[in-house]
Amino acid sequence: MPVAVYPGSFDPTTYGHLDIIERASSLFERLIVAVGGNPAKEYLFDMADRVEMAEQACRRFPNVEVDSFTGLLVNFLAHCGANVVVRGLRAVSDFESELQMALTNRILRPGVETVFLMTSPEFLYLSSSTVREIALLGGPVHTFVPPHVEARLKARFPSLD
């Protein structure tokens, strides 16, 4: 079976991410959760923290590993020996940008396939940016993220409910 890579910023890891990870891990022999770094993007947590939170969240999945990368995803895929990218879709609006990325990756590295998984209905609204905004404004995040991620957010935002 092919090796699959689920890339993202995971800033922070949410239950929506874990929904995709759990379902993708049942489809592939090996799934690599690839925590990406983009120099043009500003993150709440640094790379080491994002990797650590993702690792903790993925411990229950024996065929899932967490790694980090910067630069082009296709270069990371080549490094891992992977040809499949897993992406989660929440809404039709996600599809347009994800399709562009998938087609670009296929041009940059022929043979790369992207598998889109529809997010489970209970997570359609959920994104890391939504969680960051709730945390910034002091709201409760426990229904959106695992307890260890909530603890990290509370350490970052002491006024968090």
N, C-alpha and C. Protein backbone atom coordinates (compact mmCIF):
# COMPACT_ATOMS: atom_id res chain seq x y z
N MET A 1 0.83 -1.19 0.00
CA MET A 1 0.00 0.00 0.00
C MET A 1 0.87 1.25 0.00
N PRO A 2 0.39 2.29 -0.62
CA PRO A 2 1.19 3.51 -0.67
C PRO A 2 1.29 4.21 0.69
N VAL A 3 2.35 4.99 0.81
CA VAL A 3 2.54 5.85 1.97
C VAL A 3 1.81 7.15 1.67
N ALA A 4 1.06 7.66 2.64
CA ALA A 4 0.33 8.91 2.45
C ALA A 4 0.86 9.97 3.41
N VAL A 5 0.76 11.22 2.98
CA VAL A 5 1.18 12.35 3.79
C VAL A 5 -0.01 13.28 3.98
N TYR A 6 -0.27 13.65 5.21
CA TYR A 6 -1.32 14.61 5.54
C TYR A 6 -0.62 15.88 6.01
N PRO A 7 -0.46 16.86 5.11
CA PRO A 7 0.25 18.08 5.47
C PRO A 7 -0.67 19.15 6.04
N GLY A 8 -0.11 20.02 6.85
CA GLY A 8 -0.86 21.15 7.38
C GLY A 8 0.00 21.93 8.35
N SER A 9 -0.54 23.03 8.81
CA SER A 9 0.21 23.82 9.79
C SER A 9 -0.02 23.30 11.21
N PHE A 10 -1.19 22.71 11.46
CA PHE A 10 -1.51 22.14 12.78
C PHE A 10 -1.19 23.14 13.89
N ASP A 11 -1.74 24.34 13.72
CA ASP A 11 -1.44 25.46 14.62
C ASP A 11 -2.71 25.97 15.29
N PRO A 12 -3.28 25.22 16.22
CA PRO A 12 -2.88 23.95 16.80
C PRO A 12 -3.65 22.77 16.19
N THR A 13 -3.31 21.57 16.65
CA THR A 13 -4.01 20.35 16.26
C THR A 13 -5.42 20.39 16.86
N THR A 14 -6.42 20.13 16.02
CA THR A 14 -7.81 20.15 16.46
C THR A 14 -8.45 18.76 16.33
N TYR A 15 -9.65 18.63 16.86
CA TYR A 15 -10.40 17.39 16.67
C TYR A 15 -10.75 17.18 15.20
N GLY A 16 -10.86 18.24 14.42
CA GLY A 16 -11.08 18.10 12.99
C GLY A 16 -9.90 17.44 12.30
N HIS A 17 -8.68 17.84 12.69
CA HIS A 17 -7.48 17.18 12.16
C HIS A 17 -7.48 15.70 12.54
N LEU A 18 -7.82 15.42 13.80
CA LEU A 18 -7.79 14.03 14.26
C LEU A 18 -8.83 13.17 13.57
N ASP A 19 -9.94 13.77 13.19
CA ASP A 19 -10.95 13.06 12.42
C ASP A 19 -10.36 12.59 11.09
N ILE A 20 -9.67 13.48 10.39
CA ILE A 20 -9.04 13.13 9.11
C ILE A 20 -7.92 12.12 9.33
N ILE A 21 -7.11 12.32 10.35
CA ILE A 21 -6.00 11.40 10.64
C ILE A 21 -6.51 10.00 10.93
N GLU A 22 -7.52 9.89 11.76
CA GLU A 22 -8.06 8.57 12.10
C GLU A 22 -8.59 7.86 10.85
N ARG A 23 -9.33 8.57 10.05
CA ARG A 23 -9.91 7.95 8.86
C ARG A 23 -8.85 7.63 7.81
N ALA A 24 -7.88 8.52 7.62
CA ALA A 24 -6.81 8.26 6.65
C ALA A 24 -5.92 7.11 7.11
N SER A 25 -5.72 7.00 8.42
CA SER A 25 -4.85 5.92 8.92
C SER A 25 -5.44 4.55 8.66
N SER A 26 -6.76 4.49 8.50
CA SER A 26 -7.39 3.21 8.19
C SER A 26 -7.32 2.88 6.69
N LEU A 27 -6.98 3.86 5.89
CA LEU A 27 -6.91 3.67 4.43
C LEU A 27 -5.50 3.37 3.92
N PHE A 28 -4.50 3.75 4.70
CA PHE A 28 -3.10 3.61 4.27
C PHE A 28 -2.30 2.83 5.29
N GLU A 29 -1.34 2.10 4.79
CA GLU A 29 -0.47 1.32 5.67
C GLU A 29 0.33 2.23 6.59
N ARG A 30 0.74 3.37 6.05
CA ARG A 30 1.55 4.33 6.80
C ARG A 30 1.06 5.73 6.45
N LEU A 31 0.82 6.55 7.47
CA LEU A 31 0.40 7.93 7.28
C LEU A 31 1.39 8.83 8.00
N ILE A 32 1.90 9.80 7.27
CA ILE A 32 2.81 10.78 7.87
C ILE A 32 2.06 12.09 8.00
N VAL A 33 1.92 12.56 9.23
CA VAL A 33 1.35 13.87 9.49
C VAL A 33 2.52 14.84 9.36
N ALA A 34 2.45 15.69 8.36
CA ALA A 34 3.56 16.58 8.03
C ALA A 34 3.24 18.01 8.47
N VAL A 35 3.90 18.42 9.53
CA VAL A 35 3.70 19.77 10.07
C VAL A 35 4.57 20.71 9.24
N GLY A 36 3.89 21.59 8.52
CA GLY A 36 4.60 22.46 7.59
C GLY A 36 4.97 23.80 8.17
N GLY A 37 6.06 24.33 7.61
CA GLY A 37 6.52 25.67 7.97
C GLY A 37 6.63 26.51 6.71
N ASN A 38 5.99 27.64 6.73
CA ASN A 38 6.02 28.56 5.60
C ASN A 38 6.55 29.89 6.11
N PRO A 39 7.70 30.35 5.59
CA PRO A 39 8.29 31.60 6.09
C PRO A 39 7.38 32.82 5.88
N ALA A 40 6.43 32.72 4.98
CA ALA A 40 5.52 33.84 4.72
C ALA A 40 4.33 33.85 5.69
N LYS A 41 4.24 32.84 6.53
CA LYS A 41 3.09 32.70 7.43
C LYS A 41 3.51 32.92 8.87
N GLU A 42 2.63 33.55 9.64
CA GLU A 42 2.90 33.76 11.06
C GLU A 42 2.13 32.71 11.86
N TYR A 43 2.82 32.04 12.76
CA TYR A 43 2.23 30.96 13.54
C TYR A 43 2.08 31.36 15.00
N LEU A 44 1.08 30.80 15.67
CA LEU A 44 0.93 31.00 17.11
C LEU A 44 1.98 30.19 17.85
N PHE A 45 2.17 28.93 17.42
CA PHE A 45 3.15 28.06 18.06
C PHE A 45 4.31 27.82 17.10
N ASP A 46 5.51 27.66 17.66
CA ASP A 46 6.66 27.38 16.79
C ASP A 46 6.60 25.93 16.31
N MET A 47 7.47 25.61 15.38
CA MET A 47 7.46 24.29 14.75
C MET A 47 7.58 23.17 15.78
N ALA A 48 8.51 23.30 16.72
CA ALA A 48 8.72 22.23 17.72
C ALA A 48 7.45 22.00 18.54
N ASP A 49 6.76 23.06 18.93
CA ASP A 49 5.53 22.92 19.70
C ASP A 49 4.43 22.27 18.86
N ARG A 50 4.31 22.68 17.61
CA ARG A 50 3.27 22.12 16.75
C ARG A 50 3.51 20.63 16.50
N VAL A 51 4.77 20.26 16.31
CA VAL A 51 5.11 18.85 16.12
C VAL A 51 4.79 18.06 17.39
N GLU A 52 5.18 18.59 18.53
CA GLU A 52 4.94 17.89 19.81
C GLU A 52 3.45 17.70 20.07
N MET A 53 2.64 18.73 19.80
CA MET A 53 1.19 18.60 20.01
C MET A 53 0.60 17.55 19.06
N ALA A 54 1.06 17.55 17.82
CA ALA A 54 0.56 16.56 16.85
C ALA A 54 1.01 15.15 17.25
N GLU A 55 2.25 15.01 17.70
CA GLU A 55 2.74 13.69 18.13
C GLU A 55 1.90 13.15 19.28
N GLN A 56 1.64 13.99 20.25
CA GLN A 56 0.84 13.56 21.40
C GLN A 56 -0.56 13.13 20.95
N ALA A 57 -1.14 13.89 20.04
CA ALA A 57 -2.49 13.60 19.57
C ALA A 57 -2.55 12.32 18.74
N CYS A 58 -1.43 11.96 18.11
CA CYS A 58 -1.41 10.80 17.19
C CYS A 58 -0.91 9.52 17.84
N ARG A 59 -0.58 9.53 19.10
CA ARG A 59 -0.01 8.35 19.76
C ARG A 59 -0.89 7.12 19.67
N ARG A 60 -2.19 7.30 19.59
CA ARG A 60 -3.10 6.14 19.59
C ARG A 60 -3.20 5.47 18.23
N PHE A 61 -2.56 6.04 17.21
CA PHE A 61 -2.60 5.47 15.87
C PHE A 61 -1.24 4.83 15.56
N PRO A 62 -1.15 3.49 15.57
CA PRO A 62 0.15 2.84 15.43
C PRO A 62 0.84 3.05 14.08
N ASN A 63 0.10 3.34 13.04
CA ASN A 63 0.72 3.50 11.72
C ASN A 63 0.86 4.97 11.31
N VAL A 64 0.75 5.86 12.31
CA VAL A 64 0.89 7.29 12.03
C VAL A 64 2.16 7.80 12.68
N GLU A 65 2.91 8.56 11.90
CA GLU A 65 4.08 9.24 12.45
C GLU A 65 3.98 10.72 12.12
N VAL A 66 4.67 11.53 12.88
CA VAL A 66 4.64 12.98 12.70
C VAL A 66 6.04 13.44 12.33
N ASP A 67 6.11 14.30 11.34
CA ASP A 67 7.38 14.87 10.90
C ASP A 67 7.14 16.33 10.57
N SER A 68 8.18 17.07 10.32
CA SER A 68 8.04 18.47 9.94
C SER A 68 8.76 18.70 8.62
N PHE A 69 8.34 19.76 7.95
CA PHE A 69 9.00 20.12 6.70
C PHE A 69 8.84 21.60 6.43
N THR A 70 9.75 22.12 5.65
CA THR A 70 9.64 23.46 5.10
C THR A 70 9.90 23.32 3.61
N GLY A 71 9.44 24.27 2.86
CA GLY A 71 9.65 24.20 1.42
C GLY A 71 8.50 23.50 0.73
N LEU A 72 8.77 23.01 -0.46
CA LEU A 72 7.74 22.40 -1.28
C LEU A 72 7.30 21.04 -0.73
N LEU A 73 6.01 20.83 -0.70
CA LEU A 73 5.47 19.55 -0.25
C LEU A 73 5.97 18.42 -1.12
N VAL A 74 6.07 18.63 -2.43
CA VAL A 74 6.51 17.55 -3.32
C VAL A 74 7.93 17.09 -2.99
N ASN A 75 8.77 17.98 -2.50
CA ASN A 75 10.12 17.58 -2.09
C ASN A 75 10.06 16.72 -0.83
N PHE A 76 9.15 17.06 0.08
CA PHE A 76 8.97 16.24 1.28
C PHE A 76 8.43 14.87 0.90
N LEU A 77 7.48 14.83 -0.04
CA LEU A 77 6.95 13.54 -0.50
C LEU A 77 8.07 12.66 -1.05
N ALA A 78 8.93 13.24 -1.86
CA ALA A 78 10.05 12.48 -2.43
C ALA A 78 10.96 11.96 -1.32
N HIS A 79 11.22 12.80 -0.34
CA HIS A 79 12.07 12.43 0.79
C HIS A 79 11.48 11.23 1.56
N CYS A 80 10.15 11.19 1.67
CA CYS A 80 9.46 10.12 2.42
C CYS A 80 9.14 8.91 1.57
N GLY A 81 9.32 9.03 0.28
CA GLY A 81 8.93 7.94 -0.61
C GLY A 81 7.42 7.83 -0.74
N ALA A 82 6.73 8.96 -0.63
CA ALA A 82 5.26 8.98 -0.69
C ALA A 82 4.80 9.59 -2.00
N ASN A 83 3.67 9.11 -2.49
CA ASN A 83 3.05 9.67 -3.69
C ASN A 83 1.61 10.07 -3.47
N VAL A 84 1.13 10.00 -2.23
CA VAL A 84 -0.26 10.33 -1.94
C VAL A 84 -0.30 11.44 -0.89
N VAL A 85 -1.12 12.45 -1.19
CA VAL A 85 -1.37 13.55 -0.27
C VAL A 85 -2.82 13.42 0.20
N VAL A 86 -3.04 13.52 1.49
CA VAL A 86 -4.38 13.49 2.06
C VAL A 86 -4.75 14.91 2.45
N ARG A 87 -5.94 15.32 2.03
CA ARG A 87 -6.44 16.64 2.40
C ARG A 87 -7.88 16.51 2.88
N GLY A 88 -8.22 17.27 3.89
CA GLY A 88 -9.58 17.30 4.39
C GLY A 88 -10.33 18.46 3.76
N LEU A 89 -11.57 18.23 3.44
CA LEU A 89 -12.43 19.27 2.88
C LEU A 89 -13.59 19.52 3.82
N ARG A 90 -13.81 20.80 4.15
CA ARG A 90 -14.94 21.16 5.00
C ARG A 90 -16.12 21.66 4.18
N ALA A 91 -15.82 22.42 3.14
CA ALA A 91 -16.89 23.05 2.36
C ALA A 91 -16.46 23.15 0.90
N VAL A 92 -17.39 23.50 0.06
CA VAL A 92 -17.10 23.66 -1.36
C VAL A 92 -16.00 24.70 -1.55
N SER A 93 -15.99 25.73 -0.73
CA SER A 93 -14.97 26.78 -0.84
C SER A 93 -13.55 26.22 -0.64
N ASP A 94 -13.40 25.18 0.18
CA ASP A 94 -12.09 24.54 0.35
C ASP A 94 -11.64 23.85 -0.94
N PHE A 95 -12.59 23.30 -1.66
CA PHE A 95 -12.25 22.49 -2.82
C PHE A 95 -11.48 23.26 -3.88
N GLU A 96 -11.86 24.49 -4.14
CA GLU A 96 -11.21 25.26 -5.20
C GLU A 96 -9.71 25.43 -4.95
N SER A 97 -9.34 25.86 -3.77
CA SER A 97 -7.91 26.05 -3.48
C SER A 97 -7.19 24.70 -3.37
N GLU A 98 -7.86 23.70 -2.81
CA GLU A 98 -7.24 22.38 -2.70
C GLU A 98 -7.02 21.75 -4.07
N LEU A 99 -7.95 21.95 -4.99
CA LEU A 99 -7.79 21.44 -6.35
C LEU A 99 -6.60 22.10 -7.03
N GLN A 100 -6.44 23.40 -6.87
CA GLN A 100 -5.29 24.10 -7.44
C GLN A 100 -3.98 23.52 -6.91
N MET A 101 -3.92 23.30 -5.59
CA MET A 101 -2.70 22.74 -5.01
C MET A 101 -2.45 21.33 -5.52
N ALA A 102 -3.49 20.52 -5.59
CA ALA A 102 -3.35 19.14 -6.05
C ALA A 102 -2.82 19.09 -7.48
N LEU A 103 -3.37 19.91 -8.34
CA LEU A 103 -2.93 19.93 -9.74
C LEU A 103 -1.51 20.47 -9.86
N THR A 104 -1.17 21.47 -9.08
CA THR A 104 0.19 22.02 -9.09
C THR A 104 1.19 20.97 -8.62
N ASN A 105 0.84 20.23 -7.56
CA ASN A 105 1.73 19.17 -7.06
C ASN A 105 1.95 18.10 -8.13
N ARG A 106 0.91 17.77 -8.90
CA ARG A 106 1.05 16.77 -9.96
C ARG A 106 1.95 17.26 -11.09
N ILE A 107 1.94 18.55 -11.33
CA ILE A 107 2.83 19.12 -12.35
C ILE A 107 4.27 19.12 -11.84
N LEU A 108 4.44 19.53 -10.58
CA LEU A 108 5.78 19.58 -10.00
C LEU A 108 6.39 18.20 -9.81
N ARG A 109 5.55 17.22 -9.53
CA ARG A 109 6.03 15.85 -9.32
C ARG A 109 5.00 14.88 -9.89
N PRO A 110 5.14 14.53 -11.16
CA PRO A 110 4.18 13.60 -11.78
C PRO A 110 4.07 12.31 -10.96
N GLY A 111 2.86 11.83 -10.89
CA GLY A 111 2.60 10.61 -10.12
C GLY A 111 2.03 10.88 -8.74
N VAL A 112 2.08 12.13 -8.29
CA VAL A 112 1.51 12.47 -6.99
C VAL A 112 0.00 12.52 -7.12
N GLU A 113 -0.69 11.82 -6.24
CA GLU A 113 -2.15 11.83 -6.21
C GLU A 113 -2.61 12.47 -4.91
N THR A 114 -3.72 13.17 -4.97
CA THR A 114 -4.32 13.75 -3.77
C THR A 114 -5.65 13.08 -3.50
N VAL A 115 -5.82 12.65 -2.26
CA VAL A 115 -7.06 12.02 -1.81
C VAL A 115 -7.77 13.02 -0.91
N PHE A 116 -8.99 13.38 -1.26
CA PHE A 116 -9.77 14.31 -0.46
C PHE A 116 -10.73 13.53 0.43
N LEU A 117 -10.71 13.84 1.72
CA LEU A 117 -11.64 13.25 2.67
C LEU A 117 -12.56 14.35 3.18
N MET A 118 -13.84 14.09 3.10
CA MET A 118 -14.81 15.04 3.62
C MET A 118 -14.76 15.00 5.14
N THR A 119 -14.69 16.16 5.74
CA THR A 119 -14.70 16.25 7.19
C THR A 119 -16.04 15.73 7.71
N SER A 120 -16.00 15.07 8.83
CA SER A 120 -17.24 14.62 9.46
C SER A 120 -18.10 15.84 9.79
N PRO A 121 -19.42 15.70 9.70
CA PRO A 121 -20.32 16.85 9.87
C PRO A 121 -20.09 17.66 11.15
N GLU A 122 -19.75 16.98 12.22
CA GLU A 122 -19.56 17.71 13.48
C GLU A 122 -18.34 18.64 13.48
N PHE A 123 -17.49 18.53 12.45
CA PHE A 123 -16.30 19.37 12.39
C PHE A 123 -16.29 20.32 11.19
N LEU A 124 -17.41 20.44 10.50
CA LEU A 124 -17.47 21.27 9.29
C LEU A 124 -17.04 22.72 9.54
N TYR A 125 -17.33 23.23 10.69
CA TYR A 125 -17.06 24.63 11.02
C TYR A 125 -15.67 24.85 11.61
N LEU A 126 -15.00 23.78 11.97
CA LEU A 126 -13.80 23.87 12.81
C LEU A 126 -12.53 24.09 12.00
N SER A 127 -11.73 25.06 12.44
CA SER A 127 -10.41 25.30 11.85
C SER A 127 -9.47 25.76 12.96
N SER A 128 -8.19 25.63 12.70
CA SER A 128 -7.20 26.09 13.68
C SER A 128 -7.33 27.59 13.91
N SER A 129 -7.61 28.34 12.86
CA SER A 129 -7.73 29.80 13.02
C SER A 129 -8.93 30.15 13.91
N THR A 130 -10.02 29.39 13.81
CA THR A 130 -11.17 29.61 14.69
C THR A 130 -10.78 29.34 16.14
N VAL A 131 -10.06 28.26 16.37
CA VAL A 131 -9.61 27.92 17.72
C VAL A 131 -8.69 29.01 18.26
N ARG A 132 -7.76 29.48 17.44
CA ARG A 132 -6.84 30.54 17.89
C ARG A 132 -7.62 31.81 18.26
N GLU A 133 -8.62 32.16 17.47
CA GLU A 133 -9.41 33.36 17.75
C GLU A 133 -10.20 33.21 19.05
N ILE A 134 -10.82 32.05 19.25
CA ILE A 134 -11.56 31.81 20.49
C ILE A 134 -10.62 31.92 21.68
N ALA A 135 -9.44 31.31 21.57
CA ALA A 135 -8.46 31.35 22.66
C ALA A 135 -8.00 32.78 22.93
N LEU A 136 -7.73 33.53 21.89
CA LEU A 136 -7.29 34.92 22.02
C LEU A 136 -8.33 35.76 22.76
N LEU A 137 -9.60 35.45 22.51
CA LEU A 137 -10.69 36.21 23.13
C LEU A 137 -11.13 35.62 24.47
N GLY A 138 -10.41 34.59 24.95
CA GLY A 138 -10.66 34.04 26.28
C GLY A 138 -11.79 33.05 26.38
N GLY A 139 -12.24 32.52 25.25
CA GLY A 139 -13.35 31.58 25.26
C GLY A 139 -12.91 30.14 25.49
N PRO A 140 -13.87 29.26 25.73
CA PRO A 140 -13.55 27.85 25.99
C PRO A 140 -13.20 27.11 24.69
N VAL A 141 -12.14 26.34 24.72
CA VAL A 141 -11.69 25.60 23.52
C VAL A 141 -11.74 24.09 23.72
N HIS A 142 -12.16 23.62 24.88
CA HIS A 142 -12.09 22.20 25.21
C HIS A 142 -12.89 21.31 24.26
N THR A 143 -13.92 21.82 23.62
CA THR A 143 -14.69 20.98 22.69
C THR A 143 -14.06 20.91 21.31
N PHE A 144 -13.01 21.68 21.07
CA PHE A 144 -12.39 21.76 19.75
C PHE A 144 -11.02 21.10 19.65
N VAL A 145 -10.36 20.94 20.81
CA VAL A 145 -8.98 20.43 20.81
C VAL A 145 -8.79 19.42 21.93
N PRO A 146 -7.81 18.52 21.77
CA PRO A 146 -7.50 17.56 22.86
C PRO A 146 -7.01 18.30 24.11
N PRO A 147 -7.12 17.67 25.28
CA PRO A 147 -6.73 18.32 26.53
C PRO A 147 -5.30 18.87 26.54
N HIS A 148 -4.34 18.15 25.95
CA HIS A 148 -2.97 18.64 25.97
C HIS A 148 -2.80 19.91 25.13
N VAL A 149 -3.61 20.06 24.09
CA VAL A 149 -3.57 21.28 23.27
C VAL A 149 -4.26 22.41 24.02
N GLU A 150 -5.36 22.11 24.69
CA GLU A 150 -6.03 23.12 25.50
C GLU A 150 -5.06 23.67 26.56
N ALA A 151 -4.28 22.80 27.19
CA ALA A 151 -3.31 23.24 28.19
C ALA A 151 -2.28 24.20 27.58
N ARG A 152 -1.83 23.89 26.37
CA ARG A 152 -0.87 24.78 25.69
C ARG A 152 -1.50 26.14 25.39
N LEU A 153 -2.75 26.11 24.96
CA LEU A 153 -3.45 27.37 24.67
C LEU A 153 -3.65 28.18 25.95
N LYS A 154 -3.99 27.50 27.05
CA LYS A 154 -4.17 28.20 28.33
C LYS A 154 -2.85 28.81 28.81
N ALA A 155 -1.75 28.14 28.55
CA ALA A 155 -0.44 28.69 28.92
C ALA A 155 -0.14 29.94 28.08
N ARG A 156 -0.57 29.94 26.86
CA ARG A 156 -0.33 31.06 25.95
C ARG A 156 -1.29 32.22 26.24
N PHE A 157 -2.53 31.88 26.60
CA PHE A 157 -3.57 32.88 26.87
C PHE A 157 -4.14 32.65 28.28
N PRO A 158 -3.51 33.25 29.30
CA PRO A 158 -3.95 33.01 30.69
C PRO A 158 -5.41 33.34 30.95
N SER A 159 -6.02 34.21 30.16
CA SER A 159 -7.42 34.57 30.38
C SER A 159 -8.40 33.56 29.79
N LEU A 160 -7.86 32.49 29.19
CA LEU A 160 -8.70 31.49 28.54
C LEU A 160 -9.62 30.84 29.56
N ASP A 161 -10.88 30.70 29.18
CA ASP A 161 -11.93 30.14 30.05
C ASP A 161 -11.67 28.66 30.30
